[in-house]
Amino acid sequence: MKKLSEYLFLGTLGGALYYGFEIIFRGFSHWTMFLLGGLCLVFFTVQGRMVRWEDPLWRQILRCSIFVTSMEFITGIIVNKWLQLGVWDYSGLPFQIFGQISLQFAVIFSGLCAVGILLGGYLLYWIYGEEKPHYHFL
């Protein structure tokens, strides 16, 4: 039950933070972005736990950036292409694929991944008494 509580907490927090981030920077969001943000924060924390926070931070950021970009692509294909909801479209940007992912946003999301990795690890330590993360860069 403790793990379920942790995952629900992280999922809700990640969803709320990402949804709020979009509201602040885009002026709108979509409920699917809440789900995607929640899933990403859970992943950031789970991947850190799986390596017992031993992997260098740059490797964790790379792993999480690949995950986020993959999930954005999958979500975009479903939400924007199949369901035609038009939540986002990167077609006008260089280095994009099907308008669903772009290099510029992948770089931005990598910064958010760094914040999410640190946030998830420390919140579980402070709130749930989990192992204290020990981040290192190299």
N, C-alpha and C. Protein backbone atom coordinates (compact mmCIF):
# COMPACT_ATOMS: atom_id res chain seq x y z
N MET A 1 0.82 -1.21 0.00
CA MET A 1 0.00 0.00 0.00
C MET A 1 0.86 1.26 0.00
N LYS A 2 2.03 1.19 0.65
CA LYS A 2 2.90 2.37 0.69
C LYS A 2 3.36 2.74 -0.72
N LYS A 3 3.74 1.74 -1.52
CA LYS A 3 4.20 2.02 -2.89
C LYS A 3 3.06 2.63 -3.71
N LEU A 4 1.85 2.09 -3.56
CA LEU A 4 0.70 2.64 -4.28
C LEU A 4 0.48 4.10 -3.89
N SER A 5 0.58 4.39 -2.60
CA SER A 5 0.43 5.76 -2.12
C SER A 5 1.50 6.66 -2.73
N GLU A 6 2.75 6.16 -2.77
CA GLU A 6 3.84 6.94 -3.34
C GLU A 6 3.59 7.24 -4.82
N TYR A 7 3.18 6.21 -5.56
CA TYR A 7 2.95 6.39 -7.00
C TYR A 7 1.78 7.31 -7.27
N LEU A 8 0.71 7.19 -6.49
CA LEU A 8 -0.43 8.10 -6.66
C LEU A 8 -0.05 9.54 -6.32
N PHE A 9 0.74 9.70 -5.26
CA PHE A 9 1.22 11.03 -4.89
C PHE A 9 2.07 11.63 -6.01
N LEU A 10 3.07 10.87 -6.47
CA LEU A 10 3.95 11.35 -7.52
C LEU A 10 3.19 11.62 -8.82
N GLY A 11 2.27 10.72 -9.17
CA GLY A 11 1.49 10.89 -10.39
C GLY A 11 0.62 12.14 -10.34
N THR A 12 -0.01 12.36 -9.20
CA THR A 12 -0.86 13.53 -9.05
C THR A 12 -0.02 14.81 -9.06
N LEU A 13 1.10 14.79 -8.34
CA LEU A 13 1.97 15.96 -8.30
C LEU A 13 2.56 16.25 -9.69
N GLY A 14 3.06 15.22 -10.35
CA GLY A 14 3.64 15.41 -11.69
C GLY A 14 2.61 15.93 -12.67
N GLY A 15 1.40 15.40 -12.59
CA GLY A 15 0.33 15.86 -13.47
C GLY A 15 -0.03 17.31 -13.21
N ALA A 16 -0.16 17.66 -11.95
CA ALA A 16 -0.52 19.03 -11.59
C ALA A 16 0.59 20.02 -11.99
N LEU A 17 1.84 19.62 -11.76
CA LEU A 17 2.95 20.51 -12.11
C LEU A 17 3.04 20.72 -13.62
N TYR A 18 2.93 19.64 -14.39
CA TYR A 18 3.05 19.79 -15.83
C TYR A 18 1.84 20.55 -16.41
N TYR A 19 0.65 20.23 -15.92
CA TYR A 19 -0.54 20.94 -16.37
C TYR A 19 -0.40 22.43 -16.07
N GLY A 20 0.06 22.76 -14.86
CA GLY A 20 0.28 24.16 -14.49
C GLY A 20 1.36 24.82 -15.34
N PHE A 21 2.43 24.08 -15.63
CA PHE A 21 3.51 24.58 -16.49
C PHE A 21 2.94 24.98 -17.85
N GLU A 22 2.09 24.13 -18.41
CA GLU A 22 1.50 24.45 -19.71
C GLU A 22 0.56 25.66 -19.62
N ILE A 23 -0.20 25.75 -18.57
CA ILE A 23 -1.11 26.89 -18.39
C ILE A 23 -0.29 28.19 -18.34
N ILE A 24 0.81 28.16 -17.59
CA ILE A 24 1.64 29.37 -17.45
C ILE A 24 2.29 29.74 -18.79
N PHE A 25 2.85 28.76 -19.50
CA PHE A 25 3.63 29.08 -20.70
C PHE A 25 2.84 29.04 -22.00
N ARG A 26 1.73 28.31 -22.05
CA ARG A 26 0.93 28.25 -23.27
C ARG A 26 -0.42 28.91 -23.14
N GLY A 27 -0.88 29.06 -21.90
CA GLY A 27 -2.20 29.65 -21.67
C GLY A 27 -3.32 28.64 -21.64
N PHE A 28 -3.02 27.38 -21.93
CA PHE A 28 -4.03 26.32 -21.91
C PHE A 28 -3.32 24.97 -21.81
N SER A 29 -4.09 23.96 -21.49
CA SER A 29 -3.57 22.59 -21.47
C SER A 29 -4.73 21.65 -21.77
N HIS A 30 -4.51 20.37 -21.58
CA HIS A 30 -5.50 19.34 -21.85
C HIS A 30 -5.34 18.27 -20.77
N TRP A 31 -6.42 17.62 -20.40
CA TRP A 31 -6.36 16.63 -19.32
C TRP A 31 -5.36 15.51 -19.61
N THR A 32 -5.12 15.22 -20.88
CA THR A 32 -4.15 14.17 -21.21
C THR A 32 -2.74 14.57 -20.79
N MET A 33 -2.47 15.87 -20.73
CA MET A 33 -1.15 16.34 -20.30
C MET A 33 -0.97 16.14 -18.80
N PHE A 34 -2.06 16.18 -18.07
CA PHE A 34 -2.02 15.85 -16.64
C PHE A 34 -1.58 14.39 -16.48
N LEU A 35 -2.18 13.50 -17.25
CA LEU A 35 -1.83 12.07 -17.18
C LEU A 35 -0.37 11.85 -17.59
N LEU A 36 0.03 12.50 -18.67
CA LEU A 36 1.40 12.34 -19.16
C LEU A 36 2.41 12.88 -18.16
N GLY A 37 2.16 14.03 -17.58
CA GLY A 37 3.06 14.59 -16.58
C GLY A 37 3.17 13.70 -15.36
N GLY A 38 2.06 13.12 -14.95
CA GLY A 38 2.06 12.21 -13.81
C GLY A 38 2.86 10.95 -14.09
N LEU A 39 2.65 10.37 -15.25
CA LEU A 39 3.40 9.17 -15.64
C LEU A 39 4.90 9.46 -15.67
N CYS A 40 5.26 10.62 -16.18
CA CYS A 40 6.68 10.96 -16.29
C CYS A 40 7.34 11.11 -14.92
N LEU A 41 6.69 11.79 -13.97
CA LEU A 41 7.30 11.93 -12.65
C LEU A 41 7.44 10.59 -11.96
N VAL A 42 6.46 9.71 -12.14
CA VAL A 42 6.59 8.36 -11.58
C VAL A 42 7.79 7.66 -12.21
N PHE A 43 7.93 7.75 -13.53
CA PHE A 43 9.07 7.12 -14.20
C PHE A 43 10.40 7.69 -13.70
N PHE A 44 10.49 9.00 -13.56
CA PHE A 44 11.74 9.62 -13.10
C PHE A 44 12.18 9.01 -11.78
N THR A 45 11.23 8.81 -10.90
CA THR A 45 11.54 8.29 -9.57
C THR A 45 11.83 6.80 -9.60
N VAL A 46 11.04 6.06 -10.33
CA VAL A 46 11.25 4.61 -10.41
C VAL A 46 12.60 4.29 -11.02
N GLN A 47 12.99 4.98 -12.08
CA GLN A 47 14.28 4.68 -12.70
C GLN A 47 15.42 5.00 -11.75
N GLY A 48 15.29 6.05 -10.96
CA GLY A 48 16.32 6.38 -9.98
C GLY A 48 16.44 5.32 -8.90
N ARG A 49 15.28 4.85 -8.44
CA ARG A 49 15.28 3.79 -7.43
C ARG A 49 15.89 2.50 -7.98
N MET A 50 15.58 2.19 -9.23
CA MET A 50 16.07 0.93 -9.81
C MET A 50 17.59 0.87 -9.85
N VAL A 51 18.23 2.00 -10.01
CA VAL A 51 19.70 2.03 -10.01
C VAL A 51 20.23 2.51 -8.67
N ARG A 52 19.34 2.55 -7.66
CA ARG A 52 19.68 2.97 -6.29
C ARG A 52 20.37 4.33 -6.28
N TRP A 53 19.96 5.20 -7.21
CA TRP A 53 20.47 6.56 -7.33
C TRP A 53 21.98 6.58 -7.59
N GLU A 54 22.52 5.45 -8.11
CA GLU A 54 23.96 5.36 -8.36
C GLU A 54 24.37 5.88 -9.73
N ASP A 55 23.48 5.82 -10.71
CA ASP A 55 23.85 6.33 -12.03
C ASP A 55 24.10 7.84 -11.95
N PRO A 56 25.07 8.32 -12.71
CA PRO A 56 25.28 9.77 -12.74
C PRO A 56 24.02 10.48 -13.21
N LEU A 57 23.84 11.69 -12.74
CA LEU A 57 22.64 12.45 -13.07
C LEU A 57 22.49 12.63 -14.58
N TRP A 58 23.58 12.83 -15.31
CA TRP A 58 23.47 13.03 -16.75
C TRP A 58 22.87 11.79 -17.42
N ARG A 59 23.19 10.58 -16.91
CA ARG A 59 22.65 9.36 -17.49
C ARG A 59 21.16 9.22 -17.16
N GLN A 60 20.79 9.60 -15.96
CA GLN A 60 19.38 9.56 -15.59
C GLN A 60 18.58 10.56 -16.43
N ILE A 61 19.14 11.74 -16.63
CA ILE A 61 18.46 12.75 -17.46
C ILE A 61 18.31 12.24 -18.89
N LEU A 62 19.34 11.62 -19.43
CA LEU A 62 19.26 11.08 -20.79
C LEU A 62 18.18 10.00 -20.88
N ARG A 63 18.18 9.08 -19.92
CA ARG A 63 17.18 8.01 -19.91
C ARG A 63 15.77 8.60 -19.80
N CYS A 64 15.58 9.56 -18.92
CA CYS A 64 14.26 10.17 -18.74
C CYS A 64 13.86 11.02 -19.93
N SER A 65 14.81 11.68 -20.56
CA SER A 65 14.49 12.48 -21.75
C SER A 65 14.02 11.59 -22.89
N ILE A 66 14.65 10.44 -23.05
CA ILE A 66 14.22 9.49 -24.07
C ILE A 66 12.81 8.99 -23.75
N PHE A 67 12.55 8.70 -22.49
CA PHE A 67 11.22 8.26 -22.08
C PHE A 67 10.18 9.34 -22.36
N VAL A 68 10.46 10.57 -21.93
CA VAL A 68 9.50 11.67 -22.11
C VAL A 68 9.22 11.90 -23.60
N THR A 69 10.26 11.93 -24.40
CA THR A 69 10.08 12.17 -25.83
C THR A 69 9.29 11.03 -26.47
N SER A 70 9.56 9.81 -26.07
CA SER A 70 8.80 8.65 -26.58
C SER A 70 7.34 8.73 -26.18
N MET A 71 7.09 9.07 -24.92
CA MET A 71 5.71 9.17 -24.44
C MET A 71 4.98 10.34 -25.10
N GLU A 72 5.70 11.43 -25.35
CA GLU A 72 5.08 12.56 -26.04
C GLU A 72 4.70 12.15 -27.46
N PHE A 73 5.56 11.39 -28.12
CA PHE A 73 5.26 10.95 -29.48
C PHE A 73 4.05 10.01 -29.48
N ILE A 74 4.04 9.04 -28.60
CA ILE A 74 2.92 8.09 -28.54
C ILE A 74 1.63 8.82 -28.20
N THR A 75 1.68 9.69 -27.20
CA THR A 75 0.49 10.45 -26.81
C THR A 75 0.03 11.34 -27.96
N GLY A 76 0.97 11.98 -28.63
CA GLY A 76 0.63 12.84 -29.76
C GLY A 76 -0.05 12.10 -30.88
N ILE A 77 0.46 10.91 -31.21
CA ILE A 77 -0.16 10.12 -32.27
C ILE A 77 -1.60 9.76 -31.89
N ILE A 78 -1.79 9.38 -30.64
CA ILE A 78 -3.15 9.01 -30.20
C ILE A 78 -4.05 10.24 -30.12
N VAL A 79 -3.61 11.25 -29.36
CA VAL A 79 -4.45 12.41 -29.07
C VAL A 79 -4.62 13.34 -30.27
N ASN A 80 -3.53 13.61 -30.97
CA ASN A 80 -3.58 14.59 -32.05
C ASN A 80 -3.92 13.99 -33.41
N LYS A 81 -3.42 12.80 -33.68
CA LYS A 81 -3.64 12.20 -35.01
C LYS A 81 -4.90 11.33 -35.03
N TRP A 82 -4.97 10.34 -34.13
CA TRP A 82 -6.13 9.43 -34.16
C TRP A 82 -7.40 10.12 -33.70
N LEU A 83 -7.33 10.77 -32.53
CA LEU A 83 -8.53 11.41 -31.97
C LEU A 83 -8.75 12.82 -32.51
N GLN A 84 -7.75 13.37 -33.19
CA GLN A 84 -7.81 14.69 -33.81
C GLN A 84 -8.23 15.79 -32.83
N LEU A 85 -7.63 15.76 -31.63
CA LEU A 85 -7.95 16.76 -30.62
C LEU A 85 -7.12 18.04 -30.75
N GLY A 86 -6.02 17.98 -31.50
CA GLY A 86 -5.21 19.16 -31.75
C GLY A 86 -4.63 19.81 -30.51
N VAL A 87 -4.13 19.00 -29.60
CA VAL A 87 -3.57 19.54 -28.36
C VAL A 87 -2.27 20.29 -28.63
N TRP A 88 -1.43 19.79 -29.53
CA TRP A 88 -0.22 20.51 -29.95
C TRP A 88 0.14 20.10 -31.36
N ASP A 89 0.96 20.92 -31.99
CA ASP A 89 1.42 20.65 -33.35
C ASP A 89 2.75 21.36 -33.56
N TYR A 90 3.81 20.59 -33.69
CA TYR A 90 5.15 21.14 -33.91
C TYR A 90 5.51 21.17 -35.39
N SER A 91 4.54 21.04 -36.27
CA SER A 91 4.82 20.96 -37.71
C SER A 91 5.61 22.15 -38.24
N GLY A 92 5.44 23.31 -37.65
CA GLY A 92 6.13 24.50 -38.12
C GLY A 92 7.56 24.63 -37.62
N LEU A 93 7.98 23.73 -36.77
CA LEU A 93 9.33 23.80 -36.21
C LEU A 93 10.29 22.93 -36.99
N PRO A 94 11.55 23.33 -37.05
CA PRO A 94 12.55 22.44 -37.67
C PRO A 94 12.83 21.24 -36.74
N PHE A 95 13.35 20.18 -37.31
CA PHE A 95 13.73 18.99 -36.55
C PHE A 95 12.56 18.41 -35.75
N GLN A 96 11.44 18.22 -36.42
CA GLN A 96 10.27 17.64 -35.79
C GLN A 96 9.88 16.37 -36.54
N ILE A 97 9.11 15.52 -35.90
CA ILE A 97 8.63 14.28 -36.52
C ILE A 97 7.10 14.26 -36.42
N PHE A 98 6.45 14.26 -37.57
CA PHE A 98 4.99 14.23 -37.68
C PHE A 98 4.30 15.32 -36.87
N GLY A 99 5.02 16.37 -36.51
CA GLY A 99 4.44 17.44 -35.72
C GLY A 99 4.23 17.09 -34.26
N GLN A 100 4.69 15.91 -33.84
CA GLN A 100 4.40 15.44 -32.48
C GLN A 100 5.57 15.60 -31.51
N ILE A 101 6.78 15.54 -32.01
CA ILE A 101 7.96 15.78 -31.18
C ILE A 101 8.90 16.69 -31.96
N SER A 102 9.69 17.46 -31.22
CA SER A 102 10.66 18.33 -31.87
C SER A 102 11.91 18.39 -31.02
N LEU A 103 13.01 18.68 -31.67
CA LEU A 103 14.29 18.77 -30.98
C LEU A 103 14.26 19.87 -29.92
N GLN A 104 13.68 21.03 -30.24
CA GLN A 104 13.63 22.14 -29.29
C GLN A 104 12.92 21.74 -28.00
N PHE A 105 11.78 21.08 -28.14
CA PHE A 105 11.03 20.70 -26.95
C PHE A 105 11.68 19.52 -26.24
N ALA A 106 12.37 18.66 -26.94
CA ALA A 106 13.11 17.58 -26.29
C ALA A 106 14.19 18.17 -25.37
N VAL A 107 14.83 19.23 -25.82
CA VAL A 107 15.86 19.89 -24.99
C VAL A 107 15.20 20.55 -23.77
N ILE A 108 14.09 21.23 -23.98
CA ILE A 108 13.37 21.85 -22.86
C ILE A 108 12.95 20.78 -21.87
N PHE A 109 12.40 19.68 -22.37
CA PHE A 109 11.94 18.61 -21.49
C PHE A 109 13.09 17.97 -20.73
N SER A 110 14.29 17.98 -21.28
CA SER A 110 15.42 17.40 -20.56
C SER A 110 15.71 18.22 -19.29
N GLY A 111 15.52 19.52 -19.37
CA GLY A 111 15.65 20.36 -18.17
C GLY A 111 14.58 20.03 -17.14
N LEU A 112 13.36 19.82 -17.62
CA LEU A 112 12.28 19.43 -16.71
C LEU A 112 12.55 18.05 -16.12
N CYS A 113 13.18 17.17 -16.89
CA CYS A 113 13.54 15.85 -16.38
C CYS A 113 14.50 15.97 -15.20
N ALA A 114 15.49 16.84 -15.33
CA ALA A 114 16.46 17.03 -14.24
C ALA A 114 15.74 17.47 -12.96
N VAL A 115 14.85 18.43 -13.10
CA VAL A 115 14.09 18.91 -11.94
C VAL A 115 13.23 17.77 -11.38
N GLY A 116 12.57 17.01 -12.25
CA GLY A 116 11.70 15.92 -11.82
C GLY A 116 12.44 14.81 -11.11
N ILE A 117 13.63 14.48 -11.59
CA ILE A 117 14.44 13.43 -10.95
C ILE A 117 14.79 13.86 -9.53
N LEU A 118 15.26 15.08 -9.37
CA LEU A 118 15.62 15.58 -8.04
C LEU A 118 14.39 15.67 -7.14
N LEU A 119 13.32 16.22 -7.67
CA LEU A 119 12.09 16.39 -6.90
C LEU A 119 11.52 15.06 -6.43
N GLY A 120 11.39 14.11 -7.35
CA GLY A 120 10.82 12.81 -7.00
C GLY A 120 11.63 12.09 -5.93
N GLY A 121 12.93 12.06 -6.09
CA GLY A 121 13.79 11.37 -5.13
C GLY A 121 13.72 11.99 -3.74
N TYR A 122 13.82 13.30 -3.68
CA TYR A 122 13.81 13.96 -2.37
C TYR A 122 12.44 13.95 -1.71
N LEU A 123 11.38 14.07 -2.50
CA LEU A 123 10.04 14.02 -1.90
C LEU A 123 9.77 12.66 -1.26
N LEU A 124 10.18 11.59 -1.92
CA LEU A 124 9.98 10.26 -1.31
C LEU A 124 10.83 10.11 -0.05
N TYR A 125 11.98 10.70 -0.04
CA TYR A 125 12.83 10.67 1.15
C TYR A 125 12.20 11.47 2.29
N TRP A 126 11.76 12.70 2.00
CA TRP A 126 11.21 13.57 3.04
C TRP A 126 9.84 13.12 3.52
N ILE A 127 8.98 12.70 2.62
CA ILE A 127 7.60 12.39 2.99
C ILE A 127 7.42 10.93 3.41
N TYR A 128 8.05 10.01 2.68
CA TYR A 128 7.83 8.58 2.93
C TYR A 128 8.99 7.88 3.62
N GLY A 129 10.08 8.61 3.89
CA GLY A 129 11.21 7.99 4.57
C GLY A 129 11.97 6.99 3.73
N GLU A 130 11.88 7.12 2.41
CA GLU A 130 12.62 6.23 1.52
C GLU A 130 14.10 6.56 1.56
N GLU A 131 14.90 5.74 0.90
CA GLU A 131 16.34 5.95 0.84
C GLU A 131 16.64 7.36 0.32
N LYS A 132 17.58 8.01 0.98
CA LYS A 132 17.97 9.35 0.55
C LYS A 132 18.73 9.25 -0.76
N PRO A 133 18.29 9.99 -1.77
CA PRO A 133 19.02 9.95 -3.04
C PRO A 133 20.37 10.64 -2.89
N HIS A 134 21.36 10.14 -3.60
CA HIS A 134 22.69 10.76 -3.58
C HIS A 134 23.11 10.95 -5.04
N TYR A 135 22.80 12.12 -5.51
CA TYR A 135 23.04 12.45 -6.91
C TYR A 135 24.50 12.84 -7.13
N HIS A 136 25.02 12.45 -8.26
CA HIS A 136 26.35 12.91 -8.69
C HIS A 136 26.32 13.08 -10.18
N PHE A 137 27.17 13.93 -10.70
CA PHE A 137 27.11 14.31 -12.11
C PHE A 137 27.99 13.45 -12.99
N LEU A 138 29.05 12.88 -12.48
CA LEU A 138 29.97 12.07 -13.31
C LEU A 138 29.99 10.63 -12.86
